[in-house]
Protein backbone atom coordinates (compact mmCIF):
# COMPACT_ATOMS: atom_id res chain seq x y z
CA MET A 1 -6.01 5.50 -3.00
CA ALA A 2 -8.76 4.18 -1.23
CA THR A 3 -10.41 4.54 1.69
CA ILE A 4 -10.26 1.95 4.74
CA LEU A 5 -12.15 1.62 7.59
CA VAL A 6 -10.31 -0.24 10.07
CA VAL A 7 -12.68 -1.30 13.51
CA ASP A 8 -10.68 -3.09 16.40
CA ASP A 9 -11.24 -2.37 20.12
CA GLU A 10 -7.49 -2.96 20.52
CA LEU A 11 -6.32 0.76 20.54
CA GLY A 12 -2.61 -0.04 19.71
CA ILE A 13 -3.42 -2.72 16.76
CA ARG A 14 -5.60 0.37 15.14
CA ALA A 15 -2.97 2.50 15.77
CA LEU A 16 -0.65 0.28 14.04
CA LEU A 17 -2.85 -0.19 11.02
CA SER A 18 -3.64 3.13 10.85
CA GLU A 19 0.41 3.98 10.65
CA ILE A 20 1.13 1.24 8.26
CA LEU A 21 -1.90 1.67 5.22
CA SER A 22 -1.80 5.95 5.96
CA ASP A 23 2.02 5.30 4.95
CA GLU A 24 0.85 3.33 1.55
CA GLY A 25 -0.86 6.03 0.33
CA HIS A 26 -4.60 5.34 1.97
CA THR A 27 -7.31 7.43 3.46
CA ILE A 28 -7.90 6.11 7.16
CA GLU A 29 -11.11 5.70 9.29
CA LEU A 30 -11.07 4.25 12.67
CA ALA A 31 -13.76 2.46 14.67
CA GLU A 32 -13.39 0.55 18.41
CA ASN A 33 -17.04 -0.79 18.11
CA ALA A 34 -19.75 -1.77 15.97
CA ALA A 35 -21.81 1.27 17.50
CA GLN A 36 -19.09 3.58 15.94
CA ALA A 37 -18.54 1.36 12.98
CA ARG A 38 -21.92 1.49 11.97
CA ALA A 39 -21.75 5.44 12.32
CA VAL A 40 -18.63 5.59 10.18
CA ARG A 41 -20.69 3.34 7.35
CA GLU A 42 -23.78 5.44 7.31
CA ARG A 43 -21.65 8.72 6.63
CA LEU A 44 -19.82 7.24 3.75
CA ARG A 45 -19.12 3.79 2.00
CA PRO A 46 -15.35 3.07 2.30
CA ASP A 47 -13.46 1.06 -0.19
CA LEU A 48 -12.48 -1.40 2.42
CA VAL A 49 -13.11 -2.62 6.20
CA LEU A 50 -10.44 -4.62 7.88
CA LEU A 51 -12.81 -5.72 10.86
CA ASP A 52 -12.14 -7.72 14.19
CA ILE A 53 -14.05 -10.43 14.78
CA TRP A 54 -14.07 -10.57 18.61
CA MET A 55 -15.43 -6.77 20.45
CA PRO A 56 -17.18 -5.57 23.48
CA ASP A 57 -21.06 -4.55 21.93
CA VAL A 58 -21.21 -7.18 18.93
CA ASP A 59 -18.85 -9.15 17.07
CA GLY A 60 -17.47 -9.08 13.43
CA VAL A 61 -19.69 -11.52 12.13
CA THR A 62 -22.98 -10.80 13.66
CA LEU A 63 -22.08 -6.76 12.00
CA LEU A 64 -21.54 -8.52 8.82
CA LYS A 65 -24.33 -10.53 9.16
CA GLU A 66 -26.16 -6.85 9.37
CA TRP A 67 -24.49 -4.96 7.05
CA GLY A 68 -25.52 -7.69 4.53
CA GLY A 69 -29.11 -7.86 5.49
CA ALA A 70 -29.37 -4.14 5.03
CA GLY A 71 -27.91 -3.87 1.54
CA LEU A 72 -24.28 -2.23 3.38
CA LEU A 73 -22.33 -5.43 3.09
CA THR A 74 -21.23 -3.42 -0.72
CA MET A 75 -17.32 -3.42 -0.05
CA PRO A 76 -15.18 -5.67 0.88
CA VAL A 77 -14.36 -7.20 4.08
CA ILE A 78 -11.13 -8.52 5.47
CA MET A 79 -12.21 -10.37 8.85
CA MET A 80 -9.00 -10.23 11.68
CA SER A 81 -9.32 -12.37 14.89
CA GLY A 82 -6.24 -13.44 17.70
CA HIS A 83 -8.43 -16.44 18.50
CA GLY A 84 -10.04 -17.53 15.57
CA THR A 85 -10.96 -20.85 14.64
CA ILE A 86 -11.55 -22.61 11.46
CA ASP A 87 -15.13 -22.49 11.87
CA THR A 88 -15.20 -19.07 12.46
CA ALA A 89 -13.16 -18.40 9.27
CA VAL A 90 -15.47 -20.26 6.99
CA GLU A 91 -19.04 -18.89 8.52
CA ALA A 92 -17.09 -14.92 7.86
CA THR A 93 -17.01 -16.19 4.46
CA LYS A 94 -20.43 -17.66 3.91
CA VAL A 95 -21.73 -14.36 5.10
CA GLY A 96 -19.68 -12.07 2.89
CA ALA A 97 -16.32 -11.59 3.82
CA ILE A 98 -13.47 -12.07 1.08
CA ALA A 99 -10.78 -12.66 3.71
CA PHE A 100 -9.22 -13.60 7.13
CA LEU A 101 -6.08 -12.67 8.81
CA GLU A 102 -5.13 -13.94 11.81
CA LYS A 103 -2.77 -12.26 14.93
CA PRO A 104 -0.31 -11.50 14.57
CA ILE A 105 -0.28 -9.77 11.70
CA THR A 106 2.13 -9.92 9.53
CA LEU A 107 3.32 -6.39 7.20
CA GLN A 108 3.55 -8.51 3.38
CA LYS A 109 -0.03 -10.93 4.79
CA LEU A 110 -1.52 -7.51 5.56
CA LEU A 111 -0.45 -5.74 2.41
CA ARG A 112 -0.85 -8.33 0.05
CA ALA A 113 -4.69 -8.88 1.51
CA VAL A 114 -5.64 -5.41 0.96
CA GLU A 115 -4.07 -5.00 -2.16
CA GLN A 116 -6.09 -8.37 -3.36
CA ALA A 117 -9.07 -7.13 -2.20
CA LEU A 118 -8.74 -3.74 -3.82
CA VAL A 119 -7.69 -5.53 -7.07
CA LYS A 120 -10.71 -7.24 -6.92
CA THR A 121 -13.35 -4.71 -6.36
CA ALA A 122 -11.72 -2.39 -9.03
CA PRO A 123 -13.89 -0.79 -11.91
CA ARG A 124 -12.79 -2.33 -15.20
CA PRO A 125 -12.24 -0.31 -18.02
CA ALA A 126 -15.30 -0.19 -20.36
CA PRO A 127 -14.73 -1.46 -23.49
CA ALA A 128 -14.56 0.41 -26.44
CA PRO A 129 -17.80 1.20 -28.99
CA LEU A 130 -17.92 -0.98 -31.85
CA GLY A 131 -16.08 0.94 -34.89
CA ALA A 132 -13.82 2.32 -32.83
CA PRO A 133 -10.55 2.36 -33.86
CA LEU A 134 -7.91 0.72 -32.26
CA SER A 135 -4.54 1.44 -30.28
CA TYR A 136 -1.92 -1.28 -29.41
CA GLY A 137 0.77 -0.41 -27.75
CA GLY A 138 2.98 -3.77 -28.11
CA GLY A 139 6.25 -1.72 -29.03
CA ARG A 140 4.94 -0.10 -32.59
CA SER A 141 2.69 3.33 -32.79
CA GLU A 142 2.39 5.31 -35.71
CA VAL A 143 3.60 8.23 -36.10
CA GLY A 144 1.84 11.06 -38.10
CA GLY A 145 3.92 13.39 -40.85
CA LEU A 146 5.16 9.26 -42.50
CA GLY A 147 2.33 8.70 -44.97
CA GLY A 148 1.13 6.06 -42.58
CA ALA A 149 4.23 4.08 -42.37
CA VAL A 150 4.68 2.43 -39.20
CA GLN A 151 7.86 3.14 -37.04
CA TYR A 152 8.88 0.15 -34.64
CA GLN A 153 9.63 1.27 -31.14
CA PRO A 154 11.21 -0.88 -28.84
CA ALA A 155 9.47 -1.96 -25.47
CA LEU A 156 10.51 0.25 -22.47
CA PRO A 157 12.28 -2.56 -19.15
CA VAL A 158 9.38 -3.33 -16.66
CA ASN A 159 11.33 -0.45 -13.90
CA HIS A 160 11.35 2.51 -16.28
CA GLY A 161 8.79 4.02 -14.78
CA SER A 162 9.99 3.29 -11.36
CA ALA A 163 13.64 4.88 -12.73
CA LEU A 164 11.77 7.87 -13.87
CA MET A 165 10.03 8.86 -11.05
CA ALA A 166 13.32 8.25 -9.12
CA GLN A 167 15.43 10.63 -10.95
CA PRO A 168 13.58 14.02 -10.35
CA MET A 169 13.64 12.94 -6.95
CA LEU A 170 17.43 12.46 -6.41
CA PRO A 171 18.11 16.53 -6.86
CA GLN A 172 15.81 17.07 -4.10
CA LEU A 173 17.78 15.16 -1.37
CA GLY A 174 20.92 16.15 -2.71
CA LEU A 175 21.96 12.62 -4.74
CA ALA A 176 23.67 12.26 -8.45
CA SER A 177 22.67 9.22 -10.95
CA GLU A 178 25.56 8.20 -10.41
CA GLN A 179 27.48 7.90 -6.67
CA SER A 180 31.15 7.77 -6.33
CA PHE A 181 32.89 7.26 -3.18
CA GLU A 182 36.10 8.21 -0.85
CA LEU A 183 37.79 4.38 -0.26
CA ASP A 184 40.84 5.98 0.74
CA ARG A 185 38.96 6.20 4.27
CA PRO A 186 38.97 4.29 7.25
CA LEU A 187 36.04 0.90 6.62
CA ARG A 188 33.34 2.35 8.60
CA GLU A 189 33.33 5.77 7.85
CA ALA A 190 33.24 4.34 4.11
CA ARG A 191 30.45 1.99 4.81
CA ASP A 192 28.08 4.61 6.64
CA ALA A 193 28.70 6.88 3.42
CA PHE A 194 27.94 3.86 1.36
CA GLU A 195 24.28 2.71 3.26
CA LYS A 196 23.59 6.65 3.52
CA SER A 197 23.45 7.03 0.01
CA TYR A 198 21.63 3.41 -0.46
CA PHE A 199 18.89 4.36 1.70
CA GLU A 200 18.60 7.73 0.02
CA PHE A 201 18.00 6.50 -3.12
CA HIS A 202 15.25 3.66 -2.02
CA LEU A 203 13.43 6.83 -0.20
CA ALA A 204 13.38 8.70 -3.10
CA LYS A 205 12.73 5.51 -5.17
CA GLU A 206 9.49 4.88 -3.07
CA ASN A 207 8.61 8.66 -2.39
CA GLY A 208 9.36 8.68 1.07
CA SER A 209 7.40 5.21 1.92
CA MET A 210 9.09 3.63 4.94
CA THR A 211 6.72 0.90 4.16
CA ARG A 212 7.85 0.02 1.29
CA VAL A 213 11.43 1.03 1.81
CA ALA A 214 11.40 -1.85 4.47
CA GLU A 215 10.44 -4.98 1.91
CA LYS A 216 12.92 -3.49 -0.91
CA THR A 217 16.03 -2.92 1.83
CA GLY A 218 14.63 -6.59 3.73
CA LEU A 219 14.22 -4.88 7.07
CA GLU A 220 12.38 -4.67 10.10
CA ARG A 221 10.08 -1.41 9.79
CA THR A 222 11.48 -0.42 13.51
CA HIS A 223 14.75 -1.60 12.59
CA LEU A 224 15.18 1.19 9.13
CA TYR A 225 14.29 3.92 11.63
CA ARG A 226 16.94 3.16 14.07
CA LYS A 227 19.73 2.38 11.13
CA LEU A 228 18.21 5.70 9.22
CA LYS A 229 18.42 7.81 12.05
CA GLN A 230 22.26 6.34 13.25
CA LEU A 231 22.91 7.40 9.74
CA GLY A 232 21.76 11.24 10.06
CA VAL A 233 19.75 10.70 7.18
CA ASP A 234 17.04 13.45 7.20
CA LEU A 235 13.43 11.26 7.27
CA SER A 236 11.12 15.44 6.96
CA ARG A 237 12.40 16.01 3.77
CA ASN A 238 11.20 12.59 2.48
CA LYS A 239 7.70 12.29 4.00
CA ARG A 240 4.32 12.73 1.54
CA GLY A 241 1.78 15.03 2.12
CA THR A 242 -0.08 12.95 4.09
CA GLY A 243 3.08 11.87 6.32
CA LEU A 244 3.54 8.69 8.76
């Protein structure tokens, strides 16, 4: 996961972005103005910066130019603004920003922009040295003891890894891999039982990430929290070490 610096003079924006990105497993550093952002940048090199344009001391574009001129723009920067214009966005990208997000920022746009920024800057694996044996994982593997014969192994489905990761979590949540429901009961009780198992399954599969569960189930986070509380789902045992 990445270390992300969030620079915004609004406390609510900083808190919200910190919660969402922490929930995704990232380490978050916060700054409310350019002075604090400079101090954080001197102390460490973040993997990504979310930088507000309008701040009380120095605006974000000026800070971006400052970092670029000093050779400190060694990380991707995403600019944010609630009063942005096309000219401002163009200027920001010219001086080094890789993206521009207009407030209010939707959850999907935020996560997509962060993911794309981190993917673009991720180090690529070094090429294999000349003469090194090649390995190919396209459904075949060499099996020892067969005299060099090649044994065919069917390719695994794309979601096989997710399923394997989710399975060990099910016993911890008191879930079975196959759920059975008592249908001889009032509709509301049967529906609640199904929904509780449904959300517990997705919490296990997503390792307790409320952000990803909200995306998978199509619910807003606030609605999801209320729903889980109403169904009696114990969130404490689903939270990861970093917490929400």
